PDB file of N, CA and C in Angstrom:
ATOM      1  N   MET A   1     100.926 128.089 108.162  1.00  0.00           N
ATOM      2  CA  MET A   1      99.813 127.039 107.725  1.00  0.00           C
ATOM      3  C   MET A   1     100.184 126.832 106.145  1.00  0.00           C
ATOM      4  N   LEU A   2     100.433 127.809 105.529  1.00  0.00           N
ATOM      5  CA  LEU A   2     100.735 127.592 103.930  1.00  0.00           C
ATOM      6  C   LEU A   2     101.891 126.514 103.627  1.00  0.00           C
ATOM      7  N   ILE A   3     103.100 126.695 104.722  1.00  0.00           N
ATOM      8  CA  ILE A   3     104.150 125.633 104.425  1.00  0.00           C
ATOM      9  C   ILE A   3     103.552 124.274 104.740  1.00  0.00           C
ATOM     10  N   GLY A   4     102.817 123.991 105.803  1.00  0.00           N
ATOM     11  CA  GLY A   4     102.122 122.821 106.139  1.00  0.00           C
ATOM     12  C   GLY A   4     101.311 122.353 105.079  1.00  0.00           C
ATOM     13  N   ALA A   5     100.412 123.157 104.307  1.00  0.00           N
ATOM     14  CA  ALA A   5      99.546 122.750 103.318  1.00  0.00           C
ATOM     15  C   ALA A   5     100.267 122.369 102.253  1.00  0.00           C
ATOM     16  N   LEU A   6     101.265 123.178 101.821  1.00  0.00           N
ATOM     17  CA  LEU A   6     102.105 122.843 100.643  1.00  0.00           C
ATOM     18  C   LEU A   6     103.057 121.470 100.819  1.00  0.00           C
ATOM     19  N   GLY A   7     103.422 121.252 102.246  1.00  0.00           N
ATOM     20  CA  GLY A   7     103.988 120.083 102.435  1.00  0.00           C
ATOM     21  C   GLY A   7     103.082 118.811 102.376  1.00  0.00           C
ATOM     22  N   PHE A   8     101.912 118.842 102.692  1.00  0.00           N
ATOM     23  CA  PHE A   8     101.023 117.685 102.481  1.00  0.00           C
ATOM     24  C   PHE A   8     100.308 117.629 101.207  1.00  0.00           C
ATOM     25  N   ALA A   9     100.540 118.734 100.480  1.00  0.00           N
ATOM     26  CA  ALA A   9      99.963 118.551  98.984  1.00  0.00           C
ATOM     27  C   ALA A   9     100.842 117.648  98.181  1.00  0.00           C
ATOM     28  N   THR A  10     102.252 117.449  98.760  1.00  0.00           N
ATOM     29  CA  THR A  10     103.045 116.556  97.771  1.00  0.00           C
ATOM     30  C   THR A  10     102.940 115.172  98.124  1.00  0.00           C
ATOM     31  N   VAL A  11     102.184 114.873  99.152  1.00  0.00           N
ATOM     32  CA  VAL A  11     101.916 113.256  99.534  1.00  0.00           C
ATOM     33  C   VAL A  11     101.120 112.642  98.527  1.00  0.00           C
ATOM     34  N   PRO A  12     100.046 113.102  98.028  1.00  0.00           N
ATOM     35  CA  PRO A  12      99.313 112.368  96.988  1.00  0.00           C
ATOM     36  C   PRO A  12      99.959 111.987  95.579  1.00  0.00           C
ATOM     37  N   PRO A  13     100.540 113.024  95.135  1.00  0.00           N
ATOM     38  CA  PRO A  13     101.240 112.656  93.853  1.00  0.00           C
ATOM     39  C   PRO A  13     102.527 111.555  94.035  1.00  0.00           C
ATOM     40  N   LEU A  14     103.290 112.018  95.126  1.00  0.00           N
ATOM     41  CA  LEU A  14     104.217 111.058  95.504  1.00  0.00           C
ATOM     42  C   LEU A  14     103.664 109.639  95.649  1.00  0.00           C
ATOM     43  N   GLN A  15     102.620 109.470  96.431  1.00  0.00           N
ATOM     44  CA  GLN A  15     102.092 108.066  96.700  1.00  0.00           C
ATOM     45  C   GLN A  15     101.684 107.328  95.410  1.00  0.00           C
ATOM     46  N   LYS A  16     101.013 108.182  94.461  1.00  0.00           N
ATOM     47  CA  LYS A  16     100.492 107.727  93.169  1.00  0.00           C
ATOM     48  C   LYS A  16     101.738 107.270  92.344  1.00  0.00           C
ATOM     49  N   ARG A  17     102.771 108.080  92.442  1.00  0.00           N
ATOM     50  CA  ARG A  17     104.000 107.584  91.692  1.00  0.00           C
ATOM     51  C   ARG A  17     104.493 106.384  92.212  1.00  0.00           C
ATOM     52  N   VAL A  18     104.504 106.143  93.455  1.00  0.00           N
ATOM     53  CA  VAL A  18     105.054 104.959  94.134  1.00  0.00           C
ATOM     54  C   VAL A  18     104.125 103.666  93.646  1.00  0.00           C
ATOM     55  N   LEU A  19     102.849 104.007  93.762  1.00  0.00           N
ATOM     56  CA  LEU A  19     101.888 102.843  93.396  1.00  0.00           C
ATOM     57  C   LEU A  19     101.943 102.478  91.968  1.00  0.00           C
ATOM     58  N   ASP A  20     102.076 103.542  91.018  1.00  0.00           N
ATOM     59  CA  ASP A  20     102.257 103.057  89.641  1.00  0.00           C
ATOM     60  C   ASP A  20     103.459 102.270  89.166  1.00  0.00           C
ATOM     61  N   GLN A  21     104.486 102.480  90.149  1.00  0.00           N
ATOM     62  CA  GLN A  21     105.685 101.636  89.901  1.00  0.00           C
ATOM     63  C   GLN A  21     105.657 100.391  90.555  1.00  0.00           C
ATOM     64  N   ALA A  22     104.853 100.135  91.682  1.00  0.00           N
ATOM     65  CA  ALA A  22     104.693  98.876  92.314  1.00  0.00           C
ATOM     66  C   ALA A  22     103.754  97.752  91.962  1.00  0.00           C
ATOM     67  N   HIS A  23     104.040  97.379  90.740  1.00  0.00           N
ATOM     68  CA  HIS A  23     103.171  96.539  90.261  1.00  0.00           C
ATOM     69  C   HIS A  23     102.758  95.425  91.143  1.00  0.00           C
ATOM     70  N   GLY A  24     103.764  94.540  91.610  1.00  0.00           N
ATOM     71  CA  GLY A  24     103.759  93.263  92.251  1.00  0.00           C
ATOM     72  C   GLY A  24     103.300  93.435  93.850  1.00  0.00           C
ATOM     73  N   ALA A  25     103.572  94.468  94.388  1.00  0.00           N
ATOM     74  CA  ALA A  25     103.368  94.554  95.863  1.00  0.00           C
ATOM     75  C   ALA A  25     102.862  96.008  96.131  1.00  0.00           C
ATOM     76  N   PRO A  26     101.668  96.595  95.794  1.00  0.00           N
ATOM     77  CA  PRO A  26     101.354  97.933  95.997  1.00  0.00           C
ATOM     78  C   PRO A  26     101.010  98.198  97.455  1.00  0.00           C
ATOM     79  N   THR A  27     100.679  97.280  98.182  1.00  0.00           N
ATOM     80  CA  THR A  27     100.416  97.602  99.575  1.00  0.00           C
ATOM     81  C   THR A  27     101.754  97.849 100.430  1.00  0.00           C
ATOM     82  N   LEU A  28     102.688  97.035 100.140  1.00  0.00           N
ATOM     83  CA  LEU A  28     104.048  96.936 100.754  1.00  0.00           C
ATOM     84  C   LEU A  28     104.567  98.413 100.314  1.00  0.00           C
ATOM     85  N   ALA A  29     104.471  98.495  99.070  1.00  0.00           N
ATOM     86  CA  ALA A  29     105.271 100.024  98.509  1.00  0.00           C
ATOM     87  C   ALA A  29     104.489 101.115  99.294  1.00  0.00           C
ATOM     88  N   SER A  30     103.343 101.153  99.383  1.00  0.00           N
ATOM     89  CA  SER A  30     102.603 102.232  99.937  1.00  0.00           C
ATOM     90  C   SER A  30     103.021 102.349 101.565  1.00  0.00           C
ATOM     91  N   ALA A  31     103.047 101.144 102.239  1.00  0.00           N
ATOM     92  CA  ALA A  31     103.643 101.343 103.500  1.00  0.00           C
ATOM     93  C   ALA A  31     104.971 101.712 103.687  1.00  0.00           C
ATOM     94  N   VAL A  32     105.853 101.339 102.809  1.00  0.00           N
ATOM     95  CA  VAL A  32     107.099 101.780 102.832  1.00  0.00           C
ATOM     96  C   VAL A  32     107.233 103.288 102.525  1.00  0.00           C
ATOM     97  N   ASN A  33     106.592 103.824 101.607  1.00  0.00           N
ATOM     98  CA  ASN A  33     106.476 105.161 101.263  1.00  0.00           C
ATOM     99  C   ASN A  33     106.390 105.906 102.486  1.00  0.00           C
ATOM    100  N   ILE A  34     105.012 105.755 103.024  1.00  0.00           N
ATOM    101  CA  ILE A  34     104.787 106.481 104.048  1.00  0.00           C
ATOM    102  C   ILE A  34     105.899 106.328 105.486  1.00  0.00           C
ATOM    103  N   GLY A  35     106.448 105.239 105.472  1.00  0.00           N
ATOM    104  CA  GLY A  35     107.415 105.093 106.437  1.00  0.00           C
ATOM    105  C   GLY A  35     108.644 105.931 106.036  1.00  0.00           C
ATOM    106  N   ALA A  36     108.907 105.964 104.782  1.00  0.00           N
ATOM    107  CA  ALA A  36     109.924 106.931 104.289  1.00  0.00           C
ATOM    108  C   ALA A  36     109.686 108.479 104.562  1.00  0.00           C
ATOM    109  N   PHE A  37     108.448 108.898 104.533  1.00  0.00           N
ATOM    110  CA  PHE A  37     108.138 110.086 104.976  1.00  0.00           C
ATOM    111  C   PHE A  37     108.169 110.451 106.346  1.00  0.00           C
ATOM    112  N   ASN A  38     107.912 109.391 107.140  1.00  0.00           N
ATOM    113  CA  ASN A  38     108.062 109.598 108.550  1.00  0.00           C
ATOM    114  C   ASN A  38     109.626 109.391 108.966  1.00  0.00           C
ATOM    115  N   LEU A  39     110.324 108.856 108.328  1.00  0.00           N
ATOM    116  CA  LEU A  39     111.882 108.922 108.427  1.00  0.00           C
ATOM    117  C   LEU A  39     112.319 110.237 108.093  1.00  0.00           C
ATOM    118  N   GLY A  40     111.901 110.533 107.134  1.00  0.00           N
ATOM    119  CA  GLY A  40     112.443 111.892 106.772  1.00  0.00           C
ATOM    120  C   GLY A  40     112.093 113.142 107.583  1.00  0.00           C
ATOM    121  N   ASN A  41     110.956 112.780 108.260  1.00  0.00           N
ATOM    122  CA  ASN A  41     110.631 113.946 109.305  1.00  0.00           C
ATOM    123  C   ASN A  41     111.436 113.793 110.589  1.00  0.00           C
ATOM    124  N   ALA A  42     111.556 112.599 110.833  1.00  0.00           N
ATOM    125  CA  ALA A  42     112.551 112.450 112.092  1.00  0.00           C
ATOM    126  C   ALA A  42     113.811 112.745 111.813  1.00  0.00           C
ATOM    127  N   LEU A  43     114.315 112.443 110.755  1.00  0.00           N
ATOM    128  CA  LEU A  43     115.620 112.730 110.369  1.00  0.00           C
ATOM    129  C   LEU A  43     115.884 114.298 110.181  1.00  0.00           C
ATOM    130  N   ALA A  44     115.110 115.196 109.693  1.00  0.00           N
ATOM    131  CA  ALA A  44     114.974 116.571 109.637  1.00  0.00           C
ATOM    132  C   ALA A  44     114.941 117.016 111.069  1.00  0.00           C
ATOM    133  N   ALA A  45     114.095 116.618 111.834  1.00  0.00           N
ATOM    134  CA  ALA A  45     114.141 117.255 113.155  1.00  0.00           C
ATOM    135  C   ALA A  45     115.408 116.921 114.030  1.00  0.00           C
ATOM    136  N   TRP A  46     115.867 115.800 113.940  1.00  0.00           N
ATOM    137  CA  TRP A  46     117.193 115.429 114.634  1.00  0.00           C
ATOM    138  C   TRP A  46     118.279 116.317 114.053  1.00  0.00           C
ATOM    139  N   LEU A  47     118.384 116.433 112.678  1.00  0.00           N
ATOM    140  CA  LEU A  47     119.298 117.295 112.137  1.00  0.00           C
ATOM    141  C   LEU A  47     119.208 118.693 112.580  1.00  0.00           C
ATOM    142  N   GLY A  48     118.108 119.148 112.747  1.00  0.00           N
ATOM    143  CA  GLY A  48     117.602 120.581 112.955  1.00  0.00           C
ATOM    144  C   GLY A  48     118.283 120.581 114.493  1.00  0.00           C
ATOM    145  N   GLY A  49     117.948 119.779 115.376  1.00  0.00           N
ATOM    146  CA  GLY A  49     118.349 119.768 116.748  1.00  0.00           C
ATOM    147  C   GLY A  49     120.009 119.769 116.763  1.00  0.00           C
ATOM    148  N   LEU A  50     120.662 118.963 115.902  1.00  0.00           N
ATOM    149  CA  LEU A  50     121.865 119.103 115.987  1.00  0.00           C
ATOM    150  C   LEU A  50     122.594 120.373 115.819  1.00  0.00           C
ATOM    151  N   VAL A  51     122.066 121.011 114.779  1.00  0.00           N
ATOM    152  CA  VAL A  51     122.628 122.120 114.340  1.00  0.00           C
ATOM    153  C   VAL A  51     122.334 123.467 115.461  1.00  0.00           C
ATOM    154  N   ILE A  52     121.295 123.280 116.097  1.00  0.00           N
ATOM    155  CA  ILE A  52     120.935 124.226 117.170  1.00  0.00           C
ATOM    156  C   ILE A  52     121.863 123.782 118.345  1.00  0.00           C
ATOM    157  N   GLY A  53     122.048 122.673 118.725  1.00  0.00           N
ATOM    158  CA  GLY A  53     122.915 122.305 119.689  1.00  0.00           C
ATOM    159  C   GLY A  53     124.330 122.470 119.459  1.00  0.00           C
ATOM    160  N   ALA A  54     124.747 122.569 118.312  1.00  0.00           N
ATOM    161  CA  ALA A  54     126.187 122.908 117.805  1.00  0.00           C
ATOM    162  C   ALA A  54     126.289 124.584 118.068  1.00  0.00           C
ATOM    163  N   GLY A  55     125.170 125.019 118.367  1.00  0.00           N
ATOM    164  CA  GLY A  55     125.472 126.618 118.400  1.00  0.00           C
ATOM    165  C   GLY A  55     125.278 127.418 117.364  1.00  0.00           C
ATOM    166  N   LEU A  56     124.875 126.967 116.289  1.00  0.00           N
ATOM    167  CA  LEU A  56     124.766 127.704 115.174  1.00  0.00           C
ATOM    168  C   LEU A  56     123.527 128.553 114.804  1.00  0.00           C
ATOM    169  N   GLY A  57     122.762 128.566 116.045  1.00  0.00           N
ATOM    170  CA  GLY A  57     121.561 129.298 116.022  1.00  0.00           C
ATOM    171  C   GLY A  57     120.180 128.830 115.763  1.00  0.00           C
ATOM    172  N   TYR A  58     119.162 129.576 115.661  1.00  0.00           N
ATOM    173  CA  TYR A  58     118.007 129.003 115.674  1.00  0.00           C
ATOM    174  C   TYR A  58     117.432 129.012 114.161  1.00  0.00           C
ATOM    175  N   THR A  59     118.172 129.830 113.473  1.00  0.00           N
ATOM    176  CA  THR A  59     117.923 129.912 111.721  1.00  0.00           C
ATOM    177  C   THR A  59     118.811 128.724 111.015  1.00  0.00           C
ATOM    178  N   ALA A  60     119.654 128.055 111.699  1.00  0.00           N
ATOM    179  CA  ALA A  60     120.442 127.118 111.187  1.00  0.00           C
ATOM    180  C   ALA A  60     119.586 125.956 110.479  1.00  0.00           C
ATOM    181  N   PRO A  61     118.527 125.478 111.226  1.00  0.00           N
ATOM    182  CA  PRO A  61     117.629 124.314 110.602  1.00  0.00           C
ATOM    183  C   PRO A  61     117.098 124.657 109.456  1.00  0.00           C
ATOM    184  N   ASN A  62     117.065 125.917 108.855  1.00  0.00           N
ATOM    185  CA  ASN A  62     116.431 126.320 107.644  1.00  0.00           C
ATOM    186  C   ASN A  62     117.486 125.808 106.744  1.00  0.00           C
ATOM    187  N   TRP A  63     118.734 126.108 106.836  1.00  0.00           N
ATOM    188  CA  TRP A  63     119.827 125.481 105.936  1.00  0.00           C
ATOM    189  C   TRP A  63     119.882 123.844 105.780  1.00  0.00           C
ATOM    190  N   VAL A  64     119.817 123.151 106.869  1.00  0.00           N
ATOM    191  CA  VAL A  64     119.413 121.938 107.113  1.00  0.00           C
ATOM    192  C   VAL A  64     118.310 121.479 106.077  1.00  0.00           C
ATOM    193  N   GLY A  65     117.110 122.237 106.194  1.00  0.00           N
ATOM    194  CA  GLY A  65     115.922 121.970 105.367  1.00  0.00           C
ATOM    195  C   GLY A  65     116.237 121.992 104.013  1.00  0.00           C
ATOM    196  N   ALA A  66     117.082 123.040 103.504  1.00  0.00           N
ATOM    197  CA  ALA A  66     117.214 123.586 102.255  1.00  0.00           C
ATOM    198  C   ALA A  66     118.037 122.234 101.659  1.00  0.00           C
ATOM    199  N   VAL A  67     119.134 121.790 102.347  1.00  0.00           N
ATOM    200  CA  VAL A  67     120.037 120.697 101.973  1.00  0.00           C
ATOM    201  C   VAL A  67     119.181 119.564 101.700  1.00  0.00           C
ATOM    202  N   LEU A  68     118.330 119.308 102.489  1.00  0.00           N
ATOM    203  CA  LEU A  68     117.309 118.041 102.545  1.00  0.00           C
ATOM    204  C   LEU A  68     116.565 117.999 101.456  1.00  0.00           C
ATOM    205  N   VAL A  69     115.977 119.282 101.140  1.00  0.00           N
ATOM    206  CA  VAL A  69     115.093 119.397  99.936  1.00  0.00           C
ATOM    207  C   VAL A  69     115.957 119.202  98.429  1.00  0.00           C
ATOM    208  N   ALA A  70     117.149 119.801  98.458  1.00  0.00           N
ATOM    209  CA  ALA A  70     118.054 119.724  97.386  1.00  0.00           C
ATOM    210  C   ALA A  70     118.218 118.331  97.130  1.00  0.00           C
ATOM    211  N   SER A  71     118.511 117.623  98.363  1.00  0.00           N
ATOM    212  CA  SER A  71     118.971 116.187  98.073  1.00  0.00           C
ATOM    213  C   SER A  71     117.966 115.407  97.589  1.00  0.00           C
ATOM    214  N   ALA A  72     116.554 115.489  98.058  1.00  0.00           N
ATOM    215  CA  ALA A  72     115.313 114.850  97.539  1.00  0.00           C
ATOM    216  C   ALA A  72     115.175 115.345  96.090  1.00  0.00           C
ATOM    217  N   LEU A  73     115.220 116.495  95.771  1.00  0.00           N
ATOM    218  CA  LEU A  73     115.031 116.933  94.379  1.00  0.00           C
ATOM    219  C   LEU A  73     116.233 116.249  93.469  1.00  0.00           C
ATOM    220  N   GLY A  74     117.215 116.259  93.820  1.00  0.00           N
ATOM    221  CA  GLY A  74     118.411 115.451  93.143  1.00  0.00           C
ATOM    222  C   GLY A  74     117.926 114.100  93.037  1.00  0.00           C
ATOM    223  N   LEU A  75     117.350 113.320  93.960  1.00  0.00           N
ATOM    224  CA  LEU A  75     116.992 111.968  93.900  1.00  0.00           C
ATOM    225  C   LEU A  75     115.722 111.891  92.962  1.00  0.00           C
ATOM    226  N   ALA A  76     114.915 112.702  92.847  1.00  0.00           N
ATOM    227  CA  ALA A  76     113.757 112.733  92.039  1.00  0.00           C
ATOM    228  C   ALA A  76     114.226 112.814  90.583  1.00  0.00           C
ATOM    229  N   VAL A  77     115.126 113.791  90.202  1.00  0.00           N
ATOM    230  CA  VAL A  77     115.503 114.055  88.930  1.00  0.00           C
ATOM    231  C   VAL A  77     116.366 112.712  88.413  1.00  0.00           C
ATOM    232  N   VAL A  78     117.266 112.007  89.344  1.00  0.00           N
ATOM    233  CA  VAL A  78     117.649 110.785  88.880  1.00  0.00           C
ATOM    234  C   VAL A  78     116.858 109.783  88.708  1.00  0.00           C
ATOM    235  N   SER A  79     115.858 109.751  89.617  1.00  0.00           N
ATOM    236  CA  SER A  79     114.682 108.627  89.341  1.00  0.00           C
ATOM    237  C   SER A  79     113.863 108.806  88.169  1.00  0.00           C
ATOM    238  N   ALA A  80     113.497 110.065  87.673  1.00  0.00           N
ATOM    239  CA  ALA A  80     112.978 110.344  86.370  1.00  0.00           C
ATOM    240  C   ALA A  80     113.909 109.960  85.275  1.00  0.00           C
ATOM    241  N   ALA A  81     115.087 110.278  85.501  1.00  0.00           N
ATOM    242  CA  ALA A  81     116.191 109.990  84.410  1.00  0.00           C
ATOM    243  C   ALA A  81     116.276 108.615  83.968  1.00  0.00           C
ATOM    244  N   LEU A  82     116.336 107.923  85.228  1.00  0.00           N
ATOM    245  CA  LEU A  82     116.346 106.180  84.975  1.00  0.00           C
ATOM    246  C   LEU A  82     115.157 105.761  84.401  1.00  0.00           C
ATOM    247  N   GLU A  83     113.982 106.243  84.895  1.00  0.00           N
ATOM    248  CA  GLU A  83     112.798 105.763  84.546  1.00  0.00           C
ATOM    249  C   GLU A  83     112.593 106.131  82.922  1.00  0.00           C
ATOM    250  N   ARG A  84     113.005 107.322  82.412  1.00  0.00           N
ATOM    251  CA  ARG A  84     112.929 107.526  81.083  1.00  0.00           C
ATOM    252  C   ARG A  84     113.901 106.592  80.223  1.00  0.00           C
ATOM    253  N   GLN A  85     114.942 106.347  80.748  1.00  0.00           N
ATOM    254  CA  GLN A  85     115.953 105.524  80.111  1.00  0.00           C
ATOM    255  C   GLN A  85     115.477 104.095  79.972  1.00  0.00           C
ATOM    256  N   ASP A  86     114.771 103.774  81.040  1.00  0.00           N
ATOM    257  CA  ASP A  86     114.273 102.370  81.083  1.00  0.00           C
ATOM    258  C   ASP A  86     113.143 102.229  79.888  1.00  0.00           C
ATOM    259  N   ARG A  87     112.230 103.277  79.921  1.00  0.00           N
ATOM    260  CA  ARG A  87     111.196 103.485  78.999  1.00  0.00           C
ATOM    261  C   ARG A  87     111.906 103.483  77.394  1.00  0.00           C
ATOM    262  N   MET A  88     112.722 104.191  77.329  1.00  0.00           N
ATOM    263  CA  MET A  88     113.373 104.386  75.969  1.00  0.00           C
ATOM    264  C   MET A  88     113.829 103.023  75.726  1.00  0.00           C
ATOM    265  N   ARG A  89     114.524 102.384  76.393  1.00  0.00           N
ATOM    266  CA  ARG A  89     115.279 100.977  76.078  1.00  0.00           C
ATOM    267  C   ARG A  89     114.227  99.932  75.805  1.00  0.00           C
ATOM    268  N   ALA A  90     113.039  99.871  76.546  1.00  0.00           N
ATOM    269  CA  ALA A  90     111.847  99.046  76.293  1.00  0.00           C
ATOM    270  C   ALA A  90     111.434  99.300  74.849  1.00  0.00           C
ATOM    271  N   THR A  91     111.217 100.649  74.459  1.00  0.00           N
ATOM    272  CA  THR A  91     110.671 101.128  73.230  1.00  0.00           C
ATOM    273  C   THR A  91     111.489 100.530  72.231  1.00  0.00           C
ATOM    274  N   THR A  92     112.748 100.716  72.245  1.00  0.00           N
ATOM    275  CA  THR A  92     113.932 100.390  71.410  1.00  0.00           C
ATOM    276  C   THR A  92     113.738  98.792  71.192  1.00  0.00           C
ATOM    277  N   VAL A  93     113.639  97.986  72.170  1.00  0.00           N
ATOM    278  CA  VAL A  93     113.647  96.730  71.898  1.00  0.00           C
ATOM    279  C   VAL A  93     112.285  96.240  71.217  1.00  0.00           C
ATOM    280  N   VAL A  94     111.319  97.013  71.779  1.00  0.00           N
ATOM    281  CA  VAL A  94     110.045  96.457  70.808  1.00  0.00           C
ATOM    282  C   VAL A  94     110.077  97.022  69.457  1.00  0.00           C
ATOM    283  N   ALA A  95     110.631  98.157  69.194  1.00  0.00           N
ATOM    284  CA  ALA A  95     110.432  98.801  67.860  1.00  0.00           C
ATOM    285  C   ALA A  95     111.488  98.163  66.902  1.00  0.00           C
ATOM    286  N   THR A  96     112.547  97.519  67.460  1.00  0.00           N
ATOM    287  CA  THR A  96     113.500  96.758  66.535  1.00  0.00           C
ATOM    288  C   THR A  96     113.062  95.591  65.972  1.00  0.00           C
ATOM    289  N   PRO A  97     113.115  95.621  64.662  1.00  0.00           N
ATOM    290  CA  PRO A  97     112.522  94.305  63.781  1.00  0.00           C
ATOM    291  C   PRO A  97     113.388  93.049  64.046  1.00  0.00           C
ATOM    292  N   GLY A  98     112.924  91.975  64.471  1.00  0.00           N
ATOM    293  CA  GLY A  98     113.621  90.698  64.620  1.00  0.00           C
ATOM    294  C   GLY A  98     114.037  90.735  66.185  1.00  0.00           C
ATOM    295  N   ALA A  99     113.993  91.709  67.005  1.00  0.00           N
ATOM    296  CA  ALA A  99     114.309  91.807  68.282  1.00  0.00           C
ATOM    297  C   ALA A  99     113.306  91.062  69.178  1.00  0.00           C
ATOM    298  N   THR A 100     113.982  90.157  70.075  1.00  0.00           N
ATOM    299  CA  THR A 100     112.919  89.555  71.186  1.00  0.00           C
ATOM    300  C   THR A 100     113.358  90.138  72.473  1.00  0.00           C
ATOM    301  N   ALA A 101     112.397  90.305  73.292  1.00  0.00           N
ATOM    302  CA  ALA A 101     112.399  90.778  74.520  1.00  0.00           C
ATOM    303  C   ALA A 101     112.881  89.718  75.566  1.00  0.00           C
ATOM    304  N   HIS A 102     113.708  89.912  76.375  1.00  0.00           N
ATOM    305  CA  HIS A 102     114.144  88.903  77.474  1.00  0.00           C
ATOM    306  C   HIS A 102     113.614  89.521  78.934  1.00  0.00           C
ATOM    307  N   HIS A 103     112.664  88.974  79.265  1.00  0.00           N
ATOM    308  CA  HIS A 103     112.036  89.146  80.669  1.00  0.00           C
ATOM    309  C   HIS A 103     112.272  88.048  81.712  1.00  0.00           C
TER     310      HIS A 103
END
């Protein structure tokens, strides 16, 4: 029960992050975000079945889950770094005297 509760606890902050970034099409972004959650669930179940079917045992899906979580964490770190870089670039353009922003 605790694992399920913690898993569902991640959805609202991630959904808010997506909506904060989707200025032009928040409804589409929300739908794609939930679709990505469903795709992740299906992918994890399929990969878990593959490792069990390969004879690696019933604990092997735990390792699949760990790899998927590490991959997701890596993507989150890269996303945050890119966002921070964009924010710094925008601040530099605005703060530079005589600079004009090209949008």
